Amino acid sequence: MANKMRGFAVMDKQKQREIASKGGKVAHEKGTVHEFNSEEASAAGRIAHERGTAHKFTAEEARIAGRKGGLAKRTNRAILLAAAANV
């Protein structure tokens, strides 16, 4: 029997973002959201490395990840600049 897509899986990406955004806003308004500070983030990373569950990048994986991040930053910046120019 084939799995039929339901719920979020059948929604368009914009609708998914709208729903997820509402959840995040409500959590912030209620004060139930948790934001990591640098010490907590550092401790979480240290624990993952001690357990051996942290992902260890090869040089090639690190290069690819860095390239993706750079491209995303450049793309997002271009979109923001274009939007600002059209205002």
Foldseek 3Di string as FASTA:
>chain_A
DDDDDDDPRPDDPVVVVVVVVVVVVVCVVVVNDDDDDPVRVVVVVVVCVVVVNDDDDDPVRVVVVVVVVVVVVVVVVVVVVVVVVVD
